PDB file of N, CA and C in Angstrom:
ATOM      1  N   MET A   1      31.783 163.759 -80.847  1.00  0.00           N
ATOM      2  CA  MET A   1      31.804 163.485 -79.285  1.00  0.00           C
ATOM      3  C   MET A   1      31.440 164.734 -78.571  1.00  0.00           C
ATOM      4  N   LYS A   2      31.259 166.139 -79.033  1.00  0.00           N
ATOM      5  CA  LYS A   2      30.337 166.629 -78.216  1.00  0.00           C
ATOM      6  C   LYS A   2      28.897 166.158 -78.323  1.00  0.00           C
ATOM      7  N   ARG A   3      28.380 165.732 -79.056  1.00  0.00           N
ATOM      8  CA  ARG A   3      27.117 165.389 -78.597  1.00  0.00           C
ATOM      9  C   ARG A   3      26.692 164.342 -77.998  1.00  0.00           C
ATOM     10  N   LEU A   4      27.541 163.410 -77.737  1.00  0.00           N
ATOM     11  CA  LEU A   4      28.007 162.226 -76.752  1.00  0.00           C
ATOM     12  C   LEU A   4      27.705 163.102 -75.311  1.00  0.00           C
ATOM     13  N   ALA A   5      28.551 164.191 -75.274  1.00  0.00           N
ATOM     14  CA  ALA A   5      28.961 164.817 -74.129  1.00  0.00           C
ATOM     15  C   ALA A   5      27.449 165.946 -73.457  1.00  0.00           C
ATOM     16  N   LEU A   6      26.874 165.929 -74.702  1.00  0.00           N
ATOM     17  CA  LEU A   6      25.814 166.816 -74.752  1.00  0.00           C
ATOM     18  C   LEU A   6      24.684 165.656 -73.959  1.00  0.00           C
ATOM     19  N   GLY A   7      24.764 164.365 -74.717  1.00  0.00           N
ATOM     20  CA  GLY A   7      23.799 163.699 -74.187  1.00  0.00           C
ATOM     21  C   GLY A   7      23.718 163.075 -72.803  1.00  0.00           C
ATOM     22  N   VAL A   8      24.968 162.853 -72.504  1.00  0.00           N
ATOM     23  CA  VAL A   8      25.511 162.161 -71.197  1.00  0.00           C
ATOM     24  C   VAL A   8      24.794 163.615 -70.100  1.00  0.00           C
ATOM     25  N   LEU A   9      25.243 164.682 -70.354  1.00  0.00           N
ATOM     26  CA  LEU A   9      24.686 165.865 -69.286  1.00  0.00           C
ATOM     27  C   LEU A   9      23.488 166.130 -69.339  1.00  0.00           C
ATOM     28  N   LEU A  10      22.660 165.842 -70.311  1.00  0.00           N
ATOM     29  CA  LEU A  10      21.225 165.765 -70.539  1.00  0.00           C
ATOM     30  C   LEU A  10      20.696 164.577 -69.640  1.00  0.00           C
ATOM     31  N   LEU A  11      21.129 163.612 -69.742  1.00  0.00           N
ATOM     32  CA  LEU A  11      20.773 162.645 -68.886  1.00  0.00           C
ATOM     33  C   LEU A  11      20.859 162.573 -67.589  1.00  0.00           C
ATOM     34  N   ALA A  12      22.309 163.131 -67.534  1.00  0.00           N
ATOM     35  CA  ALA A  12      22.722 163.522 -65.770  1.00  0.00           C
ATOM     36  C   ALA A  12      21.455 164.653 -64.862  1.00  0.00           C
ATOM     37  N   THR A  13      20.712 165.088 -65.859  1.00  0.00           N
ATOM     38  CA  THR A  13      19.955 166.070 -65.291  1.00  0.00           C
ATOM     39  C   THR A  13      18.565 165.514 -65.097  1.00  0.00           C
ATOM     40  N   LEU A  14      18.202 164.465 -65.872  1.00  0.00           N
ATOM     41  CA  LEU A  14      16.538 164.068 -65.569  1.00  0.00           C
ATOM     42  C   LEU A  14      16.135 163.907 -64.677  1.00  0.00           C
ATOM     43  N   PRO A  15      17.025 163.096 -63.839  1.00  0.00           N
ATOM     44  CA  PRO A  15      16.238 162.861 -62.089  1.00  0.00           C
ATOM     45  C   PRO A  15      16.166 164.378 -61.588  1.00  0.00           C
ATOM     46  N   ALA A  16      16.736 164.832 -61.240  1.00  0.00           N
ATOM     47  CA  ALA A  16      16.330 166.466 -61.342  1.00  0.00           C
ATOM     48  C   ALA A  16      15.109 167.161 -61.426  1.00  0.00           C
ATOM     49  N   GLN A  17      15.093 166.881 -62.567  1.00  0.00           N
ATOM     50  CA  GLN A  17      13.920 167.399 -63.137  1.00  0.00           C
ATOM     51  C   GLN A  17      12.691 166.883 -62.816  1.00  0.00           C
ATOM     52  N   ALA A  18      12.801 165.688 -62.672  1.00  0.00           N
ATOM     53  CA  ALA A  18      11.289 164.439 -62.122  1.00  0.00           C
ATOM     54  C   ALA A  18      11.044 164.944 -60.693  1.00  0.00           C
ATOM     55  N   HIS A  19      11.822 165.760 -60.247  1.00  0.00           N
ATOM     56  CA  HIS A  19      10.940 165.864 -58.834  1.00  0.00           C
ATOM     57  C   HIS A  19      10.636 167.596 -58.879  1.00  0.00           C
ATOM     58  N   ASP A  20      10.858 167.888 -59.616  1.00  0.00           N
ATOM     59  CA  ASP A  20      10.572 169.407 -59.820  1.00  0.00           C
ATOM     60  C   ASP A  20       9.047 169.223 -59.958  1.00  0.00           C
ATOM     61  N   ASP A  21       8.099 168.561 -60.473  1.00  0.00           N
ATOM     62  CA  ASP A  21       6.935 168.449 -60.766  1.00  0.00           C
ATOM     63  C   ASP A  21       6.175 168.305 -59.560  1.00  0.00           C
ATOM     64  N   PRO A  22       5.402 169.247 -58.548  1.00  0.00           N
ATOM     65  CA  PRO A  22       4.723 169.237 -57.492  1.00  0.00           C
ATOM     66  C   PRO A  22       3.457 168.189 -57.819  1.00  0.00           C
ATOM     67  N   HIS A  23       2.850 167.875 -59.232  1.00  0.00           N
ATOM     68  CA  HIS A  23       2.017 167.056 -59.100  1.00  0.00           C
ATOM     69  C   HIS A  23       2.286 165.737 -59.485  1.00  0.00           C
ATOM     70  N   GLY A  24       3.663 165.653 -59.911  1.00  0.00           N
ATOM     71  CA  GLY A  24       3.964 164.009 -59.593  1.00  0.00           C
ATOM     72  C   GLY A  24       3.870 163.245 -60.948  1.00  0.00           C
ATOM     73  N   TYR A  25       3.385 164.356 -62.525  1.00  0.00           N
ATOM     74  CA  TYR A  25       3.250 163.718 -63.592  1.00  0.00           C
ATOM     75  C   TYR A  25       4.761 163.212 -64.307  1.00  0.00           C
ATOM     76  N   PRO A  26       4.701 161.927 -64.516  1.00  0.00           N
ATOM     77  CA  PRO A  26       6.193 161.438 -64.967  1.00  0.00           C
ATOM     78  C   PRO A  26       6.510 161.984 -66.352  1.00  0.00           C
ATOM     79  N   THR A  27       7.609 162.182 -67.120  1.00  0.00           N
ATOM     80  CA  THR A  27       7.570 162.538 -68.619  1.00  0.00           C
ATOM     81  C   THR A  27       7.021 161.955 -69.026  1.00  0.00           C
ATOM     82  N   VAL A  28       6.951 160.678 -68.987  1.00  0.00           N
ATOM     83  CA  VAL A  28       6.376 159.776 -70.218  1.00  0.00           C
ATOM     84  C   VAL A  28       4.792 160.023 -70.344  1.00  0.00           C
ATOM     85  N   ALA A  29       4.500 160.206 -69.249  1.00  0.00           N
ATOM     86  CA  ALA A  29       3.151 160.707 -69.348  1.00  0.00           C
ATOM     87  C   ALA A  29       2.734 162.166 -69.966  1.00  0.00           C
ATOM     88  N   ARG A  30       3.352 162.730 -69.750  1.00  0.00           N
ATOM     89  CA  ARG A  30       3.365 163.833 -70.424  1.00  0.00           C
ATOM     90  C   ARG A  30       3.259 164.333 -71.971  1.00  0.00           C
ATOM     91  N   ALA A  31       4.708 163.343 -72.243  1.00  0.00           N
ATOM     92  CA  ALA A  31       4.928 163.156 -73.812  1.00  0.00           C
ATOM     93  C   ALA A  31       3.715 162.208 -74.214  1.00  0.00           C
ATOM     94  N   ASP A  32       3.287 161.128 -73.551  1.00  0.00           N
ATOM     95  CA  ASP A  32       2.224 160.553 -74.174  1.00  0.00           C
ATOM     96  C   ASP A  32       1.095 161.137 -74.307  1.00  0.00           C
ATOM     97  N   TYR A  33       0.548 162.474 -73.432  1.00  0.00           N
ATOM     98  CA  TYR A  33      -0.274 162.809 -73.808  1.00  0.00           C
ATOM     99  C   TYR A  33      -0.120 164.087 -74.867  1.00  0.00           C
ATOM    100  N   VAL A  34       0.757 164.748 -75.094  1.00  0.00           N
ATOM    101  CA  VAL A  34       1.287 165.511 -76.086  1.00  0.00           C
ATOM    102  C   VAL A  34       1.315 165.091 -77.585  1.00  0.00           C
ATOM    103  N   LEU A  35       1.564 163.870 -77.178  1.00  0.00           N
ATOM    104  CA  LEU A  35       1.545 162.932 -78.912  1.00  0.00           C
ATOM    105  C   LEU A  35       0.597 163.010 -79.265  1.00  0.00           C
ATOM    106  N   GLY A  36      -0.508 162.279 -78.495  1.00  0.00           N
ATOM    107  CA  GLY A  36      -1.795 162.063 -78.698  1.00  0.00           C
ATOM    108  C   GLY A  36      -2.661 163.197 -79.183  1.00  0.00           C
ATOM    109  N   CYS A  37      -2.377 164.370 -78.442  1.00  0.00           N
ATOM    110  CA  CYS A  37      -2.995 165.710 -79.112  1.00  0.00           C
ATOM    111  C   CYS A  37      -2.443 166.428 -79.891  1.00  0.00           C
ATOM    112  N   MET A  38      -1.227 166.410 -80.218  1.00  0.00           N
ATOM    113  CA  MET A  38      -0.459 166.383 -81.246  1.00  0.00           C
ATOM    114  C   MET A  38      -1.351 166.258 -82.863  1.00  0.00           C
ATOM    115  N   ALA A  39      -1.768 164.571 -82.593  1.00  0.00           N
ATOM    116  CA  ALA A  39      -1.936 163.789 -83.745  1.00  0.00           C
ATOM    117  C   ALA A  39      -3.510 164.265 -83.781  1.00  0.00           C
ATOM    118  N   ALA A  40      -4.252 164.419 -82.502  1.00  0.00           N
ATOM    119  CA  ALA A  40      -5.343 165.279 -83.015  1.00  0.00           C
ATOM    120  C   ALA A  40      -5.699 166.612 -83.570  1.00  0.00           C
ATOM    121  N   ASN A  41      -4.613 167.175 -83.465  1.00  0.00           N
ATOM    122  CA  ASN A  41      -4.498 168.430 -83.878  1.00  0.00           C
ATOM    123  C   ASN A  41      -3.310 169.116 -84.879  1.00  0.00           C
ATOM    124  N   GLY A  42      -2.975 167.852 -85.616  1.00  0.00           N
ATOM    125  CA  GLY A  42      -2.349 168.202 -87.008  1.00  0.00           C
ATOM    126  C   GLY A  42      -0.957 168.201 -87.032  1.00  0.00           C
ATOM    127  N   ASN A  43       0.019 167.667 -86.003  1.00  0.00           N
ATOM    128  CA  ASN A  43       0.914 167.358 -85.444  1.00  0.00           C
ATOM    129  C   ASN A  43       2.021 168.751 -86.476  1.00  0.00           C
ATOM    130  N   THR A  44       1.907 169.879 -85.745  1.00  0.00           N
ATOM    131  CA  THR A  44       2.341 171.190 -86.338  1.00  0.00           C
ATOM    132  C   THR A  44       2.992 171.771 -84.971  1.00  0.00           C
ATOM    133  N   ARG A  45       4.071 172.311 -85.165  1.00  0.00           N
ATOM    134  CA  ARG A  45       4.889 173.135 -84.199  1.00  0.00           C
ATOM    135  C   ARG A  45       3.763 173.722 -82.907  1.00  0.00           C
ATOM    136  N   LEU A  46       2.577 174.543 -83.650  1.00  0.00           N
ATOM    137  CA  LEU A  46       1.793 175.215 -82.911  1.00  0.00           C
ATOM    138  C   LEU A  46       0.847 174.098 -82.274  1.00  0.00           C
ATOM    139  N   ALA A  47       0.416 173.010 -82.732  1.00  0.00           N
ATOM    140  CA  ALA A  47       0.068 171.859 -81.831  1.00  0.00           C
ATOM    141  C   ALA A  47       1.014 171.374 -80.842  1.00  0.00           C
ATOM    142  N   LEU A  48       2.378 171.739 -81.225  1.00  0.00           N
ATOM    143  CA  LEU A  48       3.076 170.858 -79.504  1.00  0.00           C
ATOM    144  C   LEU A  48       3.157 172.052 -78.688  1.00  0.00           C
ATOM    145  N   GLU A  49       3.032 173.610 -79.183  1.00  0.00           N
ATOM    146  CA  GLU A  49       2.882 174.223 -78.438  1.00  0.00           C
ATOM    147  C   GLU A  49       1.914 174.709 -77.159  1.00  0.00           C
ATOM    148  N   ARG A  50       0.769 173.988 -78.196  1.00  0.00           N
ATOM    149  CA  ARG A  50      -0.392 174.200 -77.289  1.00  0.00           C
ATOM    150  C   ARG A  50      -0.917 173.012 -76.842  1.00  0.00           C
ATOM    151  N   CYS A  51      -0.452 171.632 -76.992  1.00  0.00           N
ATOM    152  CA  CYS A  51      -0.609 170.634 -76.555  1.00  0.00           C
ATOM    153  C   CYS A  51       0.248 170.394 -74.904  1.00  0.00           C
ATOM    154  N   ALA A  52       1.418 171.071 -75.093  1.00  0.00           N
ATOM    155  CA  ALA A  52       2.516 171.281 -74.056  1.00  0.00           C
ATOM    156  C   ALA A  52       1.644 172.192 -72.964  1.00  0.00           C
ATOM    157  N   CYS A  53       1.268 173.196 -73.568  1.00  0.00           N
ATOM    158  CA  CYS A  53       0.306 174.013 -72.360  1.00  0.00           C
ATOM    159  C   CYS A  53      -0.880 173.468 -71.904  1.00  0.00           C
ATOM    160  N   SER A  54      -1.989 172.425 -72.655  1.00  0.00           N
ATOM    161  CA  SER A  54      -2.497 171.815 -72.174  1.00  0.00           C
ATOM    162  C   SER A  54      -2.246 171.072 -71.137  1.00  0.00           C
ATOM    163  N   ILE A  55      -1.170 169.537 -71.221  1.00  0.00           N
ATOM    164  CA  ILE A  55      -1.167 168.995 -70.236  1.00  0.00           C
ATOM    165  C   ILE A  55      -0.395 169.853 -68.672  1.00  0.00           C
ATOM    166  N   ASP A  56       0.208 170.725 -69.219  1.00  0.00           N
ATOM    167  CA  ASP A  56       0.693 171.663 -67.860  1.00  0.00           C
ATOM    168  C   ASP A  56      -0.707 172.269 -67.422  1.00  0.00           C
ATOM    169  N   THR A  57      -1.579 172.784 -67.957  1.00  0.00           N
ATOM    170  CA  THR A  57      -2.691 173.510 -67.425  1.00  0.00           C
ATOM    171  C   THR A  57      -3.713 172.152 -66.701  1.00  0.00           C
ATOM    172  N   ILE A  58      -3.405 170.965 -67.293  1.00  0.00           N
ATOM    173  CA  ILE A  58      -4.408 169.703 -66.364  1.00  0.00           C
ATOM    174  C   ILE A  58      -3.559 169.423 -65.217  1.00  0.00           C
ATOM    175  N   ALA A  59      -1.894 169.474 -65.085  1.00  0.00           N
ATOM    176  CA  ALA A  59      -1.565 169.197 -64.098  1.00  0.00           C
ATOM    177  C   ALA A  59      -1.391 170.086 -63.016  1.00  0.00           C
ATOM    178  N   GLU A  60      -1.715 171.380 -63.377  1.00  0.00           N
ATOM    179  CA  GLU A  60      -1.908 172.375 -62.258  1.00  0.00           C
ATOM    180  C   GLU A  60      -2.995 172.251 -61.464  1.00  0.00           C
ATOM    181  N   GLN A  61      -3.913 171.206 -62.335  1.00  0.00           N
ATOM    182  CA  GLN A  61      -5.481 171.367 -61.318  1.00  0.00           C
ATOM    183  C   GLN A  61      -6.066 169.993 -61.058  1.00  0.00           C
ATOM    184  N   LEU A  62      -5.024 169.057 -61.397  1.00  0.00           N
ATOM    185  CA  LEU A  62      -5.596 167.411 -61.342  1.00  0.00           C
ATOM    186  C   LEU A  62      -4.046 166.912 -60.619  1.00  0.00           C
ATOM    187  N   PRO A  63      -3.945 166.095 -59.495  1.00  0.00           N
ATOM    188  CA  PRO A  63      -2.904 165.544 -58.925  1.00  0.00           C
ATOM    189  C   PRO A  63      -2.886 164.433 -59.760  1.00  0.00           C
ATOM    190  N   PHE A  64      -1.359 163.634 -60.347  1.00  0.00           N
ATOM    191  CA  PHE A  64      -1.340 162.708 -61.347  1.00  0.00           C
ATOM    192  C   PHE A  64      -1.777 161.780 -61.033  1.00  0.00           C
ATOM    193  N   ALA A  65      -1.661 160.898 -60.161  1.00  0.00           N
ATOM    194  CA  ALA A  65      -3.101 160.016 -59.493  1.00  0.00           C
ATOM    195  C   ALA A  65      -4.321 160.067 -59.885  1.00  0.00           C
ATOM    196  N   SER A  66      -5.115 161.113 -59.775  1.00  0.00           N
ATOM    197  CA  SER A  66      -6.073 161.341 -59.786  1.00  0.00           C
ATOM    198  C   SER A  66      -6.514 161.441 -61.922  1.00  0.00           C
ATOM    199  N   TYR A  67      -5.383 161.950 -62.708  1.00  0.00           N
ATOM    200  CA  TYR A  67      -5.252 161.742 -63.914  1.00  0.00           C
ATOM    201  C   TYR A  67      -5.578 160.690 -64.361  1.00  0.00           C
ATOM    202  N   GLU A  68      -4.019 159.842 -63.954  1.00  0.00           N
ATOM    203  CA  GLU A  68      -4.083 158.319 -64.401  1.00  0.00           C
ATOM    204  C   GLU A  68      -5.314 157.553 -64.209  1.00  0.00           C
ATOM    205  N   ALA A  69      -6.386 157.597 -62.985  1.00  0.00           N
ATOM    206  CA  ALA A  69      -7.161 157.196 -62.942  1.00  0.00           C
ATOM    207  C   ALA A  69      -8.499 157.480 -63.851  1.00  0.00           C
ATOM    208  N   ALA A  70      -8.627 158.472 -64.145  1.00  0.00           N
ATOM    209  CA  ALA A  70      -9.654 159.174 -64.873  1.00  0.00           C
ATOM    210  C   ALA A  70      -8.956 158.806 -66.449  1.00  0.00           C
ATOM    211  N   ASP A  71      -7.980 158.533 -66.826  1.00  0.00           N
ATOM    212  CA  ASP A  71      -7.092 158.476 -68.413  1.00  0.00           C
ATOM    213  C   ASP A  71      -7.628 156.604 -68.118  1.00  0.00           C
ATOM    214  N   THR A  72      -7.383 155.840 -67.092  1.00  0.00           N
ATOM    215  CA  THR A  72      -7.647 154.511 -67.452  1.00  0.00           C
ATOM    216  C   THR A  72      -9.011 154.375 -67.623  1.00  0.00           C
ATOM    217  N   VAL A  73      -9.910 154.838 -66.986  1.00  0.00           N
ATOM    218  CA  VAL A  73     -11.608 154.773 -66.749  1.00  0.00           C
ATOM    219  C   VAL A  73     -11.739 154.980 -68.319  1.00  0.00           C
ATOM    220  N   LEU A  74     -11.370 156.388 -68.985  1.00  0.00           N
ATOM    221  CA  LEU A  74     -11.953 156.470 -70.235  1.00  0.00           C
ATOM    222  C   LEU A  74     -11.140 155.237 -71.395  1.00  0.00           C
ATOM    223  N   ARG A  75     -10.148 154.839 -71.080  1.00  0.00           N
ATOM    224  CA  ARG A  75      -9.471 154.146 -71.994  1.00  0.00           C
ATOM    225  C   ARG A  75     -10.408 152.830 -72.048  1.00  0.00           C
ATOM    226  N   MET A  76     -10.697 152.497 -70.635  1.00  0.00           N
ATOM    227  CA  MET A  76     -11.674 151.047 -70.635  1.00  0.00           C
ATOM    228  C   MET A  76     -12.783 151.403 -70.880  1.00  0.00           C
ATOM    229  N   GLN A  77     -13.314 152.486 -71.156  1.00  0.00           N
ATOM    230  CA  GLN A  77     -14.625 152.428 -71.541  1.00  0.00           C
ATOM    231  C   GLN A  77     -14.563 152.666 -73.235  1.00  0.00           C
ATOM    232  N   ALA A  78     -13.736 153.135 -73.364  1.00  0.00           N
ATOM    233  CA  ALA A  78     -13.664 152.934 -75.001  1.00  0.00           C
ATOM    234  C   ALA A  78     -12.836 151.291 -75.733  1.00  0.00           C
ATOM    235  N   GLY A  79     -12.944 150.848 -74.553  1.00  0.00           N
ATOM    236  CA  GLY A  79     -12.107 149.744 -75.113  1.00  0.00           C
ATOM    237  C   GLY A  79     -13.773 148.487 -75.576  1.00  0.00           C
ATOM    238  N   ASN A  80     -14.780 148.827 -75.349  1.00  0.00           N
ATOM    239  CA  ASN A  80     -16.132 148.384 -75.417  1.00  0.00           C
ATOM    240  C   ASN A  80     -15.861 147.292 -75.041  1.00  0.00           C
ATOM    241  N   LEU A  81     -15.566 146.938 -73.434  1.00  0.00           N
ATOM    242  CA  LEU A  81     -16.015 145.793 -72.632  1.00  0.00           C
ATOM    243  C   LEU A  81     -17.251 145.069 -72.484  1.00  0.00           C
ATOM    244  N   GLY A  82     -18.218 145.707 -72.780  1.00  0.00           N
ATOM    245  CA  GLY A  82     -19.144 145.465 -72.546  1.00  0.00           C
ATOM    246  C   GLY A  82     -19.897 145.342 -71.116  1.00  0.00           C
ATOM    247  N   GLU A  83     -20.261 143.974 -70.784  1.00  0.00           N
ATOM    248  CA  GLU A  83     -20.717 143.903 -69.327  1.00  0.00           C
ATOM    249  C   GLU A  83     -19.082 143.874 -68.335  1.00  0.00           C
ATOM    250  N   ARG A  84     -18.060 143.632 -68.856  1.00  0.00           N
ATOM    251  CA  ARG A  84     -17.034 143.702 -67.918  1.00  0.00           C
ATOM    252  C   ARG A  84     -16.432 145.448 -67.667  1.00  0.00           C
ATOM    253  N   GLY A  85     -16.906 146.106 -68.443  1.00  0.00           N
ATOM    254  CA  GLY A  85     -16.678 147.928 -68.373  1.00  0.00           C
ATOM    255  C   GLY A  85     -17.808 148.082 -67.539  1.00  0.00           C
ATOM    256  N   ALA A  86     -18.799 147.715 -66.825  1.00  0.00           N
ATOM    257  CA  ALA A  86     -19.555 148.499 -66.087  1.00  0.00           C
ATOM    258  C   ALA A  86     -18.749 148.877 -64.604  1.00  0.00           C
ATOM    259  N   GLU A  87     -17.499 148.402 -64.000  1.00  0.00           N
ATOM    260  CA  GLU A  87     -16.919 148.931 -63.208  1.00  0.00           C
ATOM    261  C   GLU A  87     -16.695 149.978 -63.186  1.00  0.00           C
ATOM    262  N   PHE A  88     -16.330 150.409 -64.653  1.00  0.00           N
ATOM    263  CA  PHE A  88     -15.106 151.703 -65.248  1.00  0.00           C
ATOM    264  C   PHE A  88     -16.577 152.601 -65.044  1.00  0.00           C
ATOM    265  N   ARG A  89     -17.674 152.204 -65.492  1.00  0.00           N
ATOM    266  CA  ARG A  89     -18.779 153.343 -65.819  1.00  0.00           C
ATOM    267  C   ARG A  89     -19.769 153.737 -64.347  1.00  0.00           C
ATOM    268  N   ASP A  90     -20.321 152.871 -63.896  1.00  0.00           N
ATOM    269  CA  ASP A  90     -20.782 153.256 -62.834  1.00  0.00           C
ATOM    270  C   ASP A  90     -20.466 153.524 -61.148  1.00  0.00           C
ATOM    271  N   PRO A  91     -19.681 153.379 -60.654  1.00  0.00           N
ATOM    272  CA  PRO A  91     -19.495 153.817 -59.458  1.00  0.00           C
ATOM    273  C   PRO A  91     -19.394 155.253 -59.550  1.00  0.00           C
ATOM    274  N   PRO A  92     -19.518 155.558 -58.589  1.00  0.00           N
ATOM    275  CA  PRO A  92     -19.717 157.480 -58.593  1.00  0.00           C
ATOM    276  C   PRO A  92     -18.194 157.894 -58.121  1.00  0.00           C
ATOM    277  N   GLN A  93     -17.003 157.154 -57.647  1.00  0.00           N
ATOM    278  CA  GLN A  93     -15.949 157.621 -58.008  1.00  0.00           C
ATOM    279  C   GLN A  93     -15.379 157.738 -59.178  1.00  0.00           C
ATOM    280  N   THR A  94     -15.837 157.109 -60.002  1.00  0.00           N
ATOM    281  CA  THR A  94     -15.183 156.549 -61.422  1.00  0.00           C
ATOM    282  C   THR A  94     -16.030 157.694 -62.143  1.00  0.00           C
ATOM    283  N   ARG A  95     -16.930 158.161 -62.154  1.00  0.00           N
ATOM    284  CA  ARG A  95     -17.643 159.250 -62.335  1.00  0.00           C
ATOM    285  C   ARG A  95     -16.935 160.255 -62.257  1.00  0.00           C
ATOM    286  N   ALA A  96     -16.857 160.901 -60.896  1.00  0.00           N
ATOM    287  CA  ALA A  96     -16.537 161.927 -60.314  1.00  0.00           C
ATOM    288  C   ALA A  96     -14.937 162.350 -60.575  1.00  0.00           C
ATOM    289  N   ALA A  97     -13.855 161.053 -61.020  1.00  0.00           N
ATOM    290  CA  ALA A  97     -12.542 161.411 -61.403  1.00  0.00           C
ATOM    291  C   ALA A  97     -13.031 161.755 -63.231  1.00  0.00           C
ATOM    292  N   VAL A  98     -13.619 161.323 -63.722  1.00  0.00           N
ATOM    293  CA  VAL A  98     -13.822 161.348 -65.138  1.00  0.00           C
ATOM    294  C   VAL A  98     -14.178 162.936 -65.309  1.00  0.00           C
ATOM    295  N   GLU A  99     -15.321 163.396 -64.361  1.00  0.00           N
ATOM    296  CA  GLU A  99     -15.634 164.928 -64.666  1.00  0.00           C
ATOM    297  C   GLU A  99     -14.737 165.829 -64.070  1.00  0.00           C
ATOM    298  N   ALA A 100     -13.760 165.092 -63.013  1.00  0.00           N
ATOM    299  CA  ALA A 100     -12.473 166.109 -62.618  1.00  0.00           C
ATOM    300  C   ALA A 100     -11.668 166.504 -64.168  1.00  0.00           C
ATOM    301  N   LEU A 101     -11.244 165.418 -64.807  1.00  0.00           N
ATOM    302  CA  LEU A 101     -10.261 165.522 -65.775  1.00  0.00           C
ATOM    303  C   LEU A 101     -11.339 166.473 -66.937  1.00  0.00           C
ATOM    304  N   ARG A 102     -12.246 165.980 -67.012  1.00  0.00           N
ATOM    305  CA  ARG A 102     -13.150 166.823 -68.166  1.00  0.00           C
ATOM    306  C   ARG A 102     -13.011 168.627 -67.973  1.00  0.00           C
ATOM    307  N   ARG A 103     -13.135 168.300 -66.383  1.00  0.00           N
ATOM    308  CA  ARG A 103     -13.204 170.280 -66.149  1.00  0.00           C
ATOM    309  C   ARG A 103     -11.687 170.666 -66.181  1.00  0.00           C
ATOM    310  N   ALA A 104     -10.596 169.981 -65.984  1.00  0.00           N
ATOM    311  CA  ALA A 104      -9.259 170.371 -66.559  1.00  0.00           C
ATOM    312  C   ALA A 104      -9.237 170.523 -68.114  1.00  0.00           C
ATOM    313  N   GLN A 105      -9.495 169.747 -68.327  1.00  0.00           N
ATOM    314  CA  GLN A 105      -9.073 169.396 -70.118  1.00  0.00           C
ATOM    315  C   GLN A 105      -9.953 171.041 -70.520  1.00  0.00           C
ATOM    316  N   ALA A 106     -11.335 171.203 -70.218  1.00  0.00           N
ATOM    317  CA  ALA A 106     -11.885 172.371 -70.432  1.00  0.00           C
ATOM    318  C   ALA A 106     -11.244 173.398 -70.560  1.00  0.00           C
ATOM    319  N   GLU A 107     -10.700 173.855 -69.146  1.00  0.00           N
ATOM    320  CA  GLU A 107     -10.034 174.909 -68.892  1.00  0.00           C
ATOM    321  C   GLU A 107      -8.327 174.680 -69.623  1.00  0.00           C
ATOM    322  N   ALA A 108      -8.251 174.010 -69.950  1.00  0.00           N
ATOM    323  CA  ALA A 108      -6.769 173.834 -70.872  1.00  0.00           C
ATOM    324  C   ALA A 108      -7.135 174.117 -72.127  1.00  0.00           C
ATOM    325  N   THR A 109      -8.053 173.813 -72.679  1.00  0.00           N
ATOM    326  CA  THR A 109      -8.578 174.304 -74.127  1.00  0.00           C
ATOM    327  C   THR A 109      -9.074 175.700 -73.886  1.00  0.00           C
ATOM    328  N   LEU A 110      -9.653 176.442 -73.349  1.00  0.00           N
ATOM    329  CA  LEU A 110     -10.068 177.549 -72.862  1.00  0.00           C
ATOM    330  C   LEU A 110      -8.611 178.772 -72.863  1.00  0.00           C
ATOM    331  N   ARG A 111      -7.672 178.144 -72.078  1.00  0.00           N
ATOM    332  CA  ARG A 111      -6.489 178.681 -71.739  1.00  0.00           C
ATOM    333  C   ARG A 111      -5.475 178.432 -72.993  1.00  0.00           C
ATOM    334  N   CYS A 112      -5.486 177.311 -73.813  1.00  0.00           N
ATOM    335  CA  CYS A 112      -4.231 176.812 -74.257  1.00  0.00           C
ATOM    336  C   CYS A 112      -4.661 177.060 -75.992  1.00  0.00           C
ATOM    337  N   PHE A 113      -5.824 176.614 -76.554  1.00  0.00           N
ATOM    338  CA  PHE A 113      -6.508 176.818 -77.863  1.00  0.00           C
ATOM    339  C   PHE A 113      -7.554 178.200 -78.408  1.00  0.00           C
ATOM    340  N   PRO A 114      -6.964 179.119 -77.754  1.00  0.00           N
ATOM    341  CA  PRO A 114      -7.920 180.203 -78.172  1.00  0.00           C
ATOM    342  C   PRO A 114      -8.200 180.472 -79.609  1.00  0.00           C
TER     343      PRO A 114
END
């Protein structure tokens, strides 16, 4: 019964916490980043701490809309779409979004993966 009450209490606090993020990063996006980062870094407690630090650092530097755009571009480029993928490689705004994400990731690496 205590677990159920605790679960209900936690769920009740989620909407309030979602509005606390000034850059609009949804919890799912943060969790997805951390899970991928952890998989690439050994799935350890230390990786969890460093990966959480990393997405927090990225969120400080990049609004979620910019992060999402750059992440989409990188996923599309990795999908090996050939000619159809040109729209995700060539436009200057696409390159600028990816460069901004890479700069934020570099800062996160310096700060969180000493």
